[in-house]
All heavy atoms as atom14 arrays in JSON, in Angstrom:
{
  "sequence": "QLALPGSLYTLGSRPWTLFTYMWYHNDLGHLVVNMLLLYIFGRLFLT",
  "atom14_mask": [
    [1, 1, 1, 1, 1, 1, 1, 1, 1, 0, 0, 0, 0, 0],
    [1, 1, 1, 1, 1, 1, 1, 1, 0, 0, 0, 0, 0, 0],
    [1, 1, 1, 1, 1, 0, 0, 0, 0, 0, 0, 0, 0, 0],
    [1, 1, 1, 1, 1, 1, 1, 1, 0, 0, 0, 0, 0, 0],
    [1, 1, 1, 1, 1, 1, 1, 0, 0, 0, 0, 0, 0, 0],
    [1, 1, 1, 1, 0, 0, 0, 0, 0, 0, 0, 0, 0, 0],
    [1, 1, 1, 1, 1, 1, 0, 0, 0, 0, 0, 0, 0, 0],
    [1, 1, 1, 1, 1, 1, 1, 1, 0, 0, 0, 0, 0, 0],
    [1, 1, 1, 1, 1, 1, 1, 1, 1, 1, 1, 1, 0, 0],
    [1, 1, 1, 1, 1, 1, 1, 0, 0, 0, 0, 0, 0, 0],
    [1, 1, 1, 1, 1, 1, 1, 1, 0, 0, 0, 0, 0, 0],
    [1, 1, 1, 1, 0, 0, 0, 0, 0, 0, 0, 0, 0, 0],
    [1, 1, 1, 1, 1, 1, 0, 0, 0, 0, 0, 0, 0, 0],
    [1, 1, 1, 1, 1, 1, 1, 1, 1, 1, 1, 0, 0, 0],
    [1, 1, 1, 1, 1, 1, 1, 0, 0, 0, 0, 0, 0, 0],
    [1, 1, 1, 1, 1, 1, 1, 1, 1, 1, 1, 1, 1, 1],
    [1, 1, 1, 1, 1, 1, 1, 0, 0, 0, 0, 0, 0, 0],
    [1, 1, 1, 1, 1, 1, 1, 1, 0, 0, 0, 0, 0, 0],
    [1, 1, 1, 1, 1, 1, 1, 1, 1, 1, 1, 0, 0, 0],
    [1, 1, 1, 1, 1, 1, 1, 0, 0, 0, 0, 0, 0, 0],
    [1, 1, 1, 1, 1, 1, 1, 1, 1, 1, 1, 1, 0, 0],
    [1, 1, 1, 1, 1, 1, 1, 1, 0, 0, 0, 0, 0, 0],
    [1, 1, 1, 1, 1, 1, 1, 1, 1, 1, 1, 1, 1, 1],
    [1, 1, 1, 1, 1, 1, 1, 1, 1, 1, 1, 1, 0, 0],
    [1, 1, 1, 1, 1, 1, 1, 1, 1, 1, 0, 0, 0, 0],
    [1, 1, 1, 1, 1, 1, 1, 1, 0, 0, 0, 0, 0, 0],
    [1, 1, 1, 1, 1, 1, 1, 1, 0, 0, 0, 0, 0, 0],
    [1, 1, 1, 1, 1, 1, 1, 1, 0, 0, 0, 0, 0, 0],
    [1, 1, 1, 1, 0, 0, 0, 0, 0, 0, 0, 0, 0, 0],
    [1, 1, 1, 1, 1, 1, 1, 1, 1, 1, 0, 0, 0, 0],
    [1, 1, 1, 1, 1, 1, 1, 1, 0, 0, 0, 0, 0, 0],
    [1, 1, 1, 1, 1, 1, 1, 0, 0, 0, 0, 0, 0, 0],
    [1, 1, 1, 1, 1, 1, 1, 0, 0, 0, 0, 0, 0, 0],
    [1, 1, 1, 1, 1, 1, 1, 1, 0, 0, 0, 0, 0, 0],
    [1, 1, 1, 1, 1, 1, 1, 1, 0, 0, 0, 0, 0, 0],
    [1, 1, 1, 1, 1, 1, 1, 1, 0, 0, 0, 0, 0, 0],
    [1, 1, 1, 1, 1, 1, 1, 1, 0, 0, 0, 0, 0, 0],
    [1, 1, 1, 1, 1, 1, 1, 1, 0, 0, 0, 0, 0, 0],
    [1, 1, 1, 1, 1, 1, 1, 1, 1, 1, 1, 1, 0, 0],
    [1, 1, 1, 1, 1, 1, 1, 1, 0, 0, 0, 0, 0, 0],
    [1, 1, 1, 1, 1, 1, 1, 1, 1, 1, 1, 0, 0, 0],
    [1, 1, 1, 1, 0, 0, 0, 0, 0, 0, 0, 0, 0, 0],
    [1, 1, 1, 1, 1, 1, 1, 1, 1, 1, 1, 0, 0, 0],
    [1, 1, 1, 1, 1, 1, 1, 1, 0, 0, 0, 0, 0, 0],
    [1, 1, 1, 1, 1, 1, 1, 1, 1, 1, 1, 0, 0, 0],
    [1, 1, 1, 1, 1, 1, 1, 1, 0, 0, 0, 0, 0, 0],
    [1, 1, 1, 1, 1, 1, 1, 0, 0, 0, 0, 0, 0, 0]
  ],
  "atom14_positions": [
    [[38.18, -8.11, 51.33], [39.1, -9.1, 50.76], [39.88, -9.95, 51.71], [40.41, -10.91, 51.36], [40.09, -8.39, 49.82], [39.46, -7.67, 48.69], [38.81, -8.6, 47.69], [39.3, -9.69, 47.46], [37.75, -8.2, 47.06], [0.0, 0.0, 0.0], [0.0, 0.0, 0.0], [0.0, 0.0, 0.0], [0.0, 0.0, 0.0], [0.0, 0.0, 0.0]],
    [[39.94, -9.53, 53.04], [40.74, -10.28, 53.96], [39.98, -10.97, 55.1], [40.43, -11.95, 55.59], [41.73, -9.32, 54.6], [42.83, -8.63, 53.58], [43.82, -7.8, 54.29], [43.58, -9.77, 52.82], [0.0, 0.0, 0.0], [0.0, 0.0, 0.0], [0.0, 0.0, 0.0], [0.0, 0.0, 0.0], [0.0, 0.0, 0.0], [0.0, 0.0, 0.0]],
    [[38.8, -10.37, 55.46], [38.0, -11.01, 56.5], [37.27, -12.19, 55.96], [36.97, -12.36, 54.86], [37.04, -9.96, 57.1], [0.0, 0.0, 0.0], [0.0, 0.0, 0.0], [0.0, 0.0, 0.0], [0.0, 0.0, 0.0], [0.0, 0.0, 0.0], [0.0, 0.0, 0.0], [0.0, 0.0, 0.0], [0.0, 0.0, 0.0], [0.0, 0.0, 0.0]],
    [[37.03, -13.12, 56.9], [36.36, -14.39, 56.58], [34.71, -14.14, 56.5], [34.16, -13.7, 57.56], [36.76, -15.43, 57.59], [36.02, -16.82, 57.34], [36.53, -17.42, 56.08], [36.3, -17.74, 58.54], [0.0, 0.0, 0.0], [0.0, 0.0, 0.0], [0.0, 0.0, 0.0], [0.0, 0.0, 0.0], [0.0, 0.0, 0.0], [0.0, 0.0, 0.0]],
    [[34.06, -14.42, 55.39], [32.71, -14.2, 55.36], [31.96, -15.39, 56.02], [32.46, -16.38, 56.29], [32.39, -14.18, 53.85], [33.5, -15.04, 53.29], [34.67, -14.8, 54.13], [0.0, 0.0, 0.0], [0.0, 0.0, 0.0], [0.0, 0.0, 0.0], [0.0, 0.0, 0.0], [0.0, 0.0, 0.0], [0.0, 0.0, 0.0], [0.0, 0.0, 0.0]],
    [[30.66, -15.07, 56.45], [29.89, -16.04, 57.1], [28.98, -16.9, 56.23], [28.06, -17.6, 56.63], [0.0, 0.0, 0.0], [0.0, 0.0, 0.0], [0.0, 0.0, 0.0], [0.0, 0.0, 0.0], [0.0, 0.0, 0.0], [0.0, 0.0, 0.0], [0.0, 0.0, 0.0], [0.0, 0.0, 0.0], [0.0, 0.0, 0.0], [0.0, 0.0, 0.0]],
    [[29.37, -16.93, 54.95], [28.6, -17.71, 53.97], [29.45, -18.58, 53.12], [30.51, -18.07, 52.7], [27.7, -16.76, 53.08], [27.11, -17.43, 51.99], [0.0, 0.0, 0.0], [0.0, 0.0, 0.0], [0.0, 0.0, 0.0], [0.0, 0.0, 0.0], [0.0, 0.0, 0.0], [0.0, 0.0, 0.0], [0.0, 0.0, 0.0], [0.0, 0.0, 0.0]],
    [[29.11, -19.89, 52.9], [29.83, -20.61, 52.01], [29.94, -20.17, 50.63], [30.86, -20.31, 49.84], [29.27, -22.1, 52.07], [29.56, -22.91, 53.33], [28.88, -24.31, 53.27], [31.06, -23.08, 53.56], [0.0, 0.0, 0.0], [0.0, 0.0, 0.0], [0.0, 0.0, 0.0], [0.0, 0.0, 0.0], [0.0, 0.0, 0.0], [0.0, 0.0, 0.0]],
    [[28.78, -19.56, 50.09], [28.71, -19.02, 48.78], [29.78, -17.94, 48.64], [30.42, -17.88, 47.63], [27.32, -18.52, 48.44], [27.19, -17.95, 47.17], [27.03, -18.71, 45.95], [27.15, -16.6, 46.94], [26.89, -18.09, 44.76], [27.08, -15.92, 45.7], [26.92, -16.71, 44.68], [26.81, -16.16, 43.41], [0.0, 0.0, 0.0], [0.0, 0.0, 0.0]],
    [[29.77, -16.96, 49.59], [30.78, -15.92, 49.47], [32.16, -16.44, 49.69], [33.08, -15.96, 49.06], [30.46, -14.89, 50.49], [29.05, -14.45, 50.5], [31.41, -13.56, 50.44], [0.0, 0.0, 0.0], [0.0, 0.0, 0.0], [0.0, 0.0, 0.0], [0.0, 0.0, 0.0], [0.0, 0.0, 0.0], [0.0, 0.0, 0.0], [0.0, 0.0, 0.0]],
    [[32.38, -17.37, 50.51], [33.67, -18.04, 50.81], [34.15, -18.62, 49.46], [35.36, -18.64, 49.18], [33.65, -19.05, 51.86], [34.86, -19.73, 52.15], [36.04, -18.76, 52.61], [34.75, -20.78, 53.29], [0.0, 0.0, 0.0], [0.0, 0.0, 0.0], [0.0, 0.0, 0.0], [0.0, 0.0, 0.0], [0.0, 0.0, 0.0], [0.0, 0.0, 0.0]],
    [[33.26, -19.2, 48.63], [33.61, -19.8, 47.37], [34.2, -18.74, 46.4], [35.12, -19.15, 45.54], [0.0, 0.0, 0.0], [0.0, 0.0, 0.0], [0.0, 0.0, 0.0], [0.0, 0.0, 0.0], [0.0, 0.0, 0.0], [0.0, 0.0, 0.0], [0.0, 0.0, 0.0], [0.0, 0.0, 0.0], [0.0, 0.0, 0.0], [0.0, 0.0, 0.0]],
    [[33.78, -17.51, 46.49], [34.36, -16.48, 45.64], [35.63, -15.87, 46.2], [36.36, -15.22, 45.5], [33.26, -15.41, 45.37], [32.93, -14.81, 46.63], [0.0, 0.0, 0.0], [0.0, 0.0, 0.0], [0.0, 0.0, 0.0], [0.0, 0.0, 0.0], [0.0, 0.0, 0.0], [0.0, 0.0, 0.0], [0.0, 0.0, 0.0], [0.0, 0.0, 0.0]],
    [[35.78, -16.06, 47.5], [37.03, -15.48, 48.16], [37.64, -16.57, 49.11], [37.69, -16.43, 50.33], [36.69, -14.26, 48.96], [36.15, -13.06, 48.15], [36.14, -11.83, 48.89], [35.37, -11.81, 50.03], [34.06, -11.42, 49.95], [33.56, -10.98, 48.76], [33.23, -11.43, 50.97], [0.0, 0.0, 0.0], [0.0, 0.0, 0.0], [0.0, 0.0, 0.0]],
    [[38.16, -17.69, 48.49], [38.61, -18.77, 49.38], [39.85, -18.42, 50.23], [40.22, -19.08, 51.22], [38.88, -19.86, 48.38], [39.14, -19.19, 47.08], [38.28, -17.98, 47.04], [0.0, 0.0, 0.0], [0.0, 0.0, 0.0], [0.0, 0.0, 0.0], [0.0, 0.0, 0.0], [0.0, 0.0, 0.0], [0.0, 0.0, 0.0], [0.0, 0.0, 0.0]],
    [[40.63, -17.42, 49.66], [41.93, -17.09, 50.41], [41.61, -16.49, 51.82], [42.49, -16.5, 52.64], [42.71, -16.05, 49.55], [41.94, -14.86, 49.22], [41.77, -13.7, 50.01], [41.15, -14.6, 48.04], [41.0, -12.74, 49.36], [40.54, -13.26, 48.12], [40.86, -15.31, 47.01], [39.72, -12.69, 47.22], [40.1, -14.75, 45.95], [39.56, -13.52, 46.04]],
    [[40.39, -16.0, 52.01], [40.03, -15.37, 53.32], [40.06, -16.33, 54.45], [40.19, -16.04, 55.63], [38.67, -14.67, 53.23], [37.73, -15.7, 52.95], [38.68, -13.53, 52.26], [0.0, 0.0, 0.0], [0.0, 0.0, 0.0], [0.0, 0.0, 0.0], [0.0, 0.0, 0.0], [0.0, 0.0, 0.0], [0.0, 0.0, 0.0], [0.0, 0.0, 0.0]],
    [[39.96, -17.68, 54.07], [40.15, -18.76, 55.13], [41.44, -18.76, 55.74], [41.59, -19.29, 56.9], [39.81, -20.13, 54.41], [39.38, -21.27, 55.3], [38.15, -20.98, 56.11], [39.11, -22.49, 54.52], [0.0, 0.0, 0.0], [0.0, 0.0, 0.0], [0.0, 0.0, 0.0], [0.0, 0.0, 0.0], [0.0, 0.0, 0.0], [0.0, 0.0, 0.0]],
    [[42.44, -18.2, 55.05], [43.76, -18.08, 55.66], [44.11, -16.68, 56.04], [44.78, -16.52, 57.05], [44.77, -18.61, 54.56], [46.22, -18.47, 54.94], [46.77, -19.48, 55.89], [46.99, -17.37, 54.53], [48.17, -19.3, 56.16], [48.34, -17.36, 54.94], [48.89, -18.31, 55.73], [0.0, 0.0, 0.0], [0.0, 0.0, 0.0], [0.0, 0.0, 0.0]],
    [[43.67, -15.72, 55.32], [44.05, -14.34, 55.59], [43.43, -13.73, 56.85], [43.91, -12.86, 57.48], [43.77, -13.43, 54.41], [42.31, -13.42, 54.04], [44.57, -13.83, 53.22], [0.0, 0.0, 0.0], [0.0, 0.0, 0.0], [0.0, 0.0, 0.0], [0.0, 0.0, 0.0], [0.0, 0.0, 0.0], [0.0, 0.0, 0.0], [0.0, 0.0, 0.0]],
    [[42.29, -14.27, 57.21], [41.48, -13.58, 58.27], [42.24, -13.69, 59.64], [42.16, -12.91, 60.54], [40.1, -14.2, 58.41], [40.07, -15.47, 59.3], [39.7, -15.4, 60.68], [40.38, -16.74, 58.83], [39.58, -16.44, 61.5], [40.35, -17.79, 59.62], [39.94, -17.67, 61.06], [39.93, -18.72, 61.82], [0.0, 0.0, 0.0], [0.0, 0.0, 0.0]],
    [[42.97, -14.77, 59.74], [43.67, -15.01, 61.09], [44.91, -14.16, 61.32], [45.38, -13.98, 62.47], [44.13, -16.48, 61.27], [45.3, -16.88, 60.37], [45.76, -18.62, 60.59], [44.46, -19.44, 59.73], [0.0, 0.0, 0.0], [0.0, 0.0, 0.0], [0.0, 0.0, 0.0], [0.0, 0.0, 0.0], [0.0, 0.0, 0.0], [0.0, 0.0, 0.0]],
    [[45.31, -13.41, 60.27], [46.41, -12.51, 60.45], [46.13, -11.08, 60.61], [47.0, -10.24, 60.73], [47.51, -12.65, 59.23], [47.79, -14.15, 58.96], [47.27, -14.98, 58.05], [48.75, -14.92, 59.6], [47.84, -16.25, 58.08], [48.73, -16.23, 59.15], [49.64, -14.74, 60.71], [49.6, -17.3, 59.52], [50.52, -15.75, 61.07], [50.43, -17.01, 60.59]],
    [[44.84, -10.81, 60.46], [44.37, -9.46, 60.41], [43.36, -9.22, 61.6], [42.4, -9.94, 61.8], [43.7, -9.22, 59.13], [43.1, -7.84, 58.99], [43.69, -6.73, 59.4], [41.74, -7.69, 58.36], [43.11, -5.47, 59.28], [41.23, -6.44, 58.34], [41.88, -5.31, 58.7], [41.3, -4.11, 58.64], [0.0, 0.0, 0.0], [0.0, 0.0, 0.0]],
    [[43.64, -8.21, 62.38], [42.77, -7.84, 63.53], [42.23, -6.43, 63.32], [42.95, -5.58, 62.83], [43.63, -7.9, 64.87], [44.07, -9.24, 65.22], [45.07, -9.92, 64.53], [43.69, -10.09, 66.27], [45.2, -11.07, 65.17], [44.41, -11.21, 66.2], [0.0, 0.0, 0.0], [0.0, 0.0, 0.0], [0.0, 0.0, 0.0], [0.0, 0.0, 0.0]],
    [[40.9, -6.26, 63.65], [40.28, -5.02, 63.47], [40.34, -4.05, 64.54], [39.78, -2.89, 64.45], [38.86, -5.27, 62.97], [38.02, -5.9, 64.08], [38.59, -6.56, 64.94], [36.75, -5.83, 63.93], [0.0, 0.0, 0.0], [0.0, 0.0, 0.0], [0.0, 0.0, 0.0], [0.0, 0.0, 0.0], [0.0, 0.0, 0.0], [0.0, 0.0, 0.0]],
    [[40.87, -4.37, 65.73], [40.96, -3.41, 66.85], [42.18, -3.73, 67.65], [42.69, -4.86, 67.71], [39.71, -3.36, 67.65], [39.46, -4.62, 68.45], [40.09, -4.84, 69.54], [38.54, -5.38, 67.99], [0.0, 0.0, 0.0], [0.0, 0.0, 0.0], [0.0, 0.0, 0.0], [0.0, 0.0, 0.0], [0.0, 0.0, 0.0], [0.0, 0.0, 0.0]],
    [[42.64, -2.74, 68.41], [43.98, -2.86, 69.09], [43.84, -3.79, 70.32], [44.7, -4.65, 70.53], [44.35, -1.52, 69.63], [45.63, -1.45, 70.42], [46.79, -1.92, 69.53], [45.9, 0.0, 70.99], [0.0, 0.0, 0.0], [0.0, 0.0, 0.0], [0.0, 0.0, 0.0], [0.0, 0.0, 0.0], [0.0, 0.0, 0.0], [0.0, 0.0, 0.0]],
    [[42.69, -3.78, 71.04], [42.45, -4.67, 72.22], [42.57, -6.08, 71.72], [43.1, -6.88, 72.44], [0.0, 0.0, 0.0], [0.0, 0.0, 0.0], [0.0, 0.0, 0.0], [0.0, 0.0, 0.0], [0.0, 0.0, 0.0], [0.0, 0.0, 0.0], [0.0, 0.0, 0.0], [0.0, 0.0, 0.0], [0.0, 0.0, 0.0], [0.0, 0.0, 0.0]],
    [[41.78, -6.37, 70.61], [41.84, -7.78, 70.2], [43.27, -8.3, 69.78], [43.7, -9.41, 70.14], [40.95, -7.74, 68.95], [40.61, -9.21, 68.48], [40.18, -9.5, 67.18], [40.59, -10.45, 69.11], [39.92, -10.79, 67.07], [40.19, -11.42, 68.28], [0.0, 0.0, 0.0], [0.0, 0.0, 0.0], [0.0, 0.0, 0.0], [0.0, 0.0, 0.0]],
    [[44.03, -7.41, 69.18], [45.36, -7.72, 68.78], [46.24, -7.92, 69.99], [46.99, -8.95, 70.04], [45.98, -6.52, 67.93], [47.41, -6.68, 67.55], [47.57, -7.89, 66.56], [47.97, -5.49, 66.84], [0.0, 0.0, 0.0], [0.0, 0.0, 0.0], [0.0, 0.0, 0.0], [0.0, 0.0, 0.0], [0.0, 0.0, 0.0], [0.0, 0.0, 0.0]],
    [[46.16, -7.06, 70.97], [47.06, -7.19, 72.14], [46.83, -8.43, 72.98], [47.76, -9.18, 73.36], [46.89, -5.95, 73.05], [47.63, -6.1, 74.33], [47.35, -4.7, 72.31], [0.0, 0.0, 0.0], [0.0, 0.0, 0.0], [0.0, 0.0, 0.0], [0.0, 0.0, 0.0], [0.0, 0.0, 0.0], [0.0, 0.0, 0.0], [0.0, 0.0, 0.0]],
    [[45.54, -8.72, 73.15], [45.15, -9.91, 73.98], [45.59, -11.16, 73.29], [46.15, -12.1, 73.84], [43.66, -9.91, 74.26], [43.23, -11.22, 74.94], [43.28, -8.73, 75.21], [0.0, 0.0, 0.0], [0.0, 0.0, 0.0], [0.0, 0.0, 0.0], [0.0, 0.0, 0.0], [0.0, 0.0, 0.0], [0.0, 0.0, 0.0], [0.0, 0.0, 0.0]],
    [[45.31, -11.31, 71.9], [45.67, -12.44, 71.24], [47.18, -12.64, 71.23], [47.75, -13.76, 71.32], [45.15, -12.44, 69.75], [43.72, -12.93, 69.73], [43.08, -13.39, 70.65], [43.09, -12.72, 68.58], [0.0, 0.0, 0.0], [0.0, 0.0, 0.0], [0.0, 0.0, 0.0], [0.0, 0.0, 0.0], [0.0, 0.0, 0.0], [0.0, 0.0, 0.0]],
    [[47.93, -11.62, 70.97], [49.38, -11.76, 70.9], [50.0, -12.08, 72.25], [50.96, -12.87, 72.37], [50.06, -10.54, 70.39], [49.68, -10.17, 68.86], [50.08, -11.55, 67.73], [48.49, -12.32, 67.55], [0.0, 0.0, 0.0], [0.0, 0.0, 0.0], [0.0, 0.0, 0.0], [0.0, 0.0, 0.0], [0.0, 0.0, 0.0], [0.0, 0.0, 0.0]],
    [[49.42, -11.57, 73.27], [49.93, -11.99, 74.7], [49.72, -13.5, 74.92], [50.48, -14.19, 75.44], [49.2, -11.1, 75.75], [49.56, -11.39, 77.15], [51.09, -11.01, 77.4], [48.74, -10.49, 78.12], [0.0, 0.0, 0.0], [0.0, 0.0, 0.0], [0.0, 0.0, 0.0], [0.0, 0.0, 0.0], [0.0, 0.0, 0.0], [0.0, 0.0, 0.0]],
    [[48.5, -14.03, 74.57], [48.2, -15.41, 74.76], [49.04, -16.3, 73.77], [49.45, -17.34, 74.25], [46.72, -15.69, 74.44], [45.74, -15.05, 75.4], [44.26, -15.28, 75.01], [45.96, -15.59, 76.83], [0.0, 0.0, 0.0], [0.0, 0.0, 0.0], [0.0, 0.0, 0.0], [0.0, 0.0, 0.0], [0.0, 0.0, 0.0], [0.0, 0.0, 0.0]],
    [[49.25, -15.78, 72.63], [50.18, -16.55, 71.71], [51.62, -16.62, 72.28], [52.22, -17.68, 72.16], [50.16, -15.84, 70.31], [51.06, -16.48, 69.22], [50.73, -17.93, 69.1], [50.89, -15.73, 67.95], [0.0, 0.0, 0.0], [0.0, 0.0, 0.0], [0.0, 0.0, 0.0], [0.0, 0.0, 0.0], [0.0, 0.0, 0.0], [0.0, 0.0, 0.0]],
    [[52.04, -15.59, 72.84], [53.43, -15.65, 73.41], [53.5, -16.54, 74.61], [54.42, -17.35, 74.69], [53.79, -14.2, 73.84], [55.18, -14.11, 74.54], [56.37, -14.19, 73.72], [55.35, -14.05, 75.89], [57.55, -14.16, 74.23], [56.63, -13.99, 76.38], [57.78, -14.01, 75.65], [58.99, -14.02, 76.16], [0.0, 0.0, 0.0], [0.0, 0.0, 0.0]],
    [[52.54, -16.45, 75.48], [52.62, -17.3, 76.71], [52.43, -18.8, 76.38], [53.25, -19.7, 76.69], [51.51, -16.87, 77.75], [51.76, -15.43, 78.16], [51.41, -17.88, 78.9], [50.68, -14.91, 79.02], [0.0, 0.0, 0.0], [0.0, 0.0, 0.0], [0.0, 0.0, 0.0], [0.0, 0.0, 0.0], [0.0, 0.0, 0.0], [0.0, 0.0, 0.0]],
    [[51.32, -19.12, 75.67], [51.02, -20.51, 75.5], [51.76, -21.09, 74.19], [51.99, -22.31, 74.13], [49.53, -20.67, 75.15], [48.66, -20.59, 76.43], [48.07, -19.34, 76.7], [48.52, -21.58, 77.24], [47.38, -19.16, 77.86], [47.79, -21.45, 78.44], [47.17, -20.21, 78.78], [0.0, 0.0, 0.0], [0.0, 0.0, 0.0], [0.0, 0.0, 0.0]],
    [[52.37, -20.22, 73.35], [53.24, -20.64, 72.33], [54.56, -21.15, 72.95], [55.03, -22.23, 72.52], [0.0, 0.0, 0.0], [0.0, 0.0, 0.0], [0.0, 0.0, 0.0], [0.0, 0.0, 0.0], [0.0, 0.0, 0.0], [0.0, 0.0, 0.0], [0.0, 0.0, 0.0], [0.0, 0.0, 0.0], [0.0, 0.0, 0.0], [0.0, 0.0, 0.0]],
    [[55.09, -20.46, 73.88], [56.32, -20.91, 74.53], [56.06, -22.19, 75.32], [56.87, -23.11, 75.4], [56.83, -19.82, 75.5], [57.32, -18.58, 74.78], [57.9, -17.68, 75.73], [59.05, -18.19, 76.47], [59.75, -17.57, 77.42], [59.36, -16.32, 77.74], [60.74, -18.05, 78.1], [0.0, 0.0, 0.0], [0.0, 0.0, 0.0], [0.0, 0.0, 0.0]],
    [[54.86, -22.29, 75.97], [54.49, -23.52, 76.68], [54.44, -24.69, 75.77], [54.88, -25.79, 76.09], [53.21, -23.22, 77.42], [52.78, -24.35, 78.51], [53.93, -24.38, 79.61], [51.43, -23.98, 79.15], [0.0, 0.0, 0.0], [0.0, 0.0, 0.0], [0.0, 0.0, 0.0], [0.0, 0.0, 0.0], [0.0, 0.0, 0.0], [0.0, 0.0, 0.0]],
    [[53.8, -24.51, 74.59], [53.69, -25.55, 73.67], [54.97, -25.97, 73.15], [55.2, -27.25, 72.99], [52.86, -25.05, 72.49], [52.4, -26.01, 71.4], [51.24, -26.61, 71.41], [53.44, -26.42, 70.45], [50.86, -27.56, 70.46], [53.02, -27.41, 69.5], [51.85, -27.92, 69.54], [0.0, 0.0, 0.0], [0.0, 0.0, 0.0], [0.0, 0.0, 0.0]],
    [[55.95, -25.14, 72.88], [57.24, -25.49, 72.4], [58.13, -26.09, 73.46], [59.18, -26.67, 73.18], [57.94, -24.2, 71.86], [57.33, -23.67, 70.61], [57.83, -22.22, 70.3], [57.54, -24.6, 69.4], [0.0, 0.0, 0.0], [0.0, 0.0, 0.0], [0.0, 0.0, 0.0], [0.0, 0.0, 0.0], [0.0, 0.0, 0.0], [0.0, 0.0, 0.0]],
    [[57.7, -26.02, 74.76], [58.41, -26.73, 75.76], [58.29, -28.18, 75.69], [59.21, -28.94, 76.03], [58.01, -26.23, 77.18], [58.05, -24.8, 77.28], [58.75, -26.94, 78.29], [0.0, 0.0, 0.0], [0.0, 0.0, 0.0], [0.0, 0.0, 0.0], [0.0, 0.0, 0.0], [0.0, 0.0, 0.0], [0.0, 0.0, 0.0], [0.0, 0.0, 0.0]]
  ]
}
């Protein structure tokens, strides 16, 4: 229900996944690396 499918047909039946997938991570390493990059380059962007 939350991950983004790889098919337009499946995406048509679950269009909300186009938004929900980016807030959900399936492993700790992926989460930590992404949040570290978001913190560094997010602050740089806001500068």
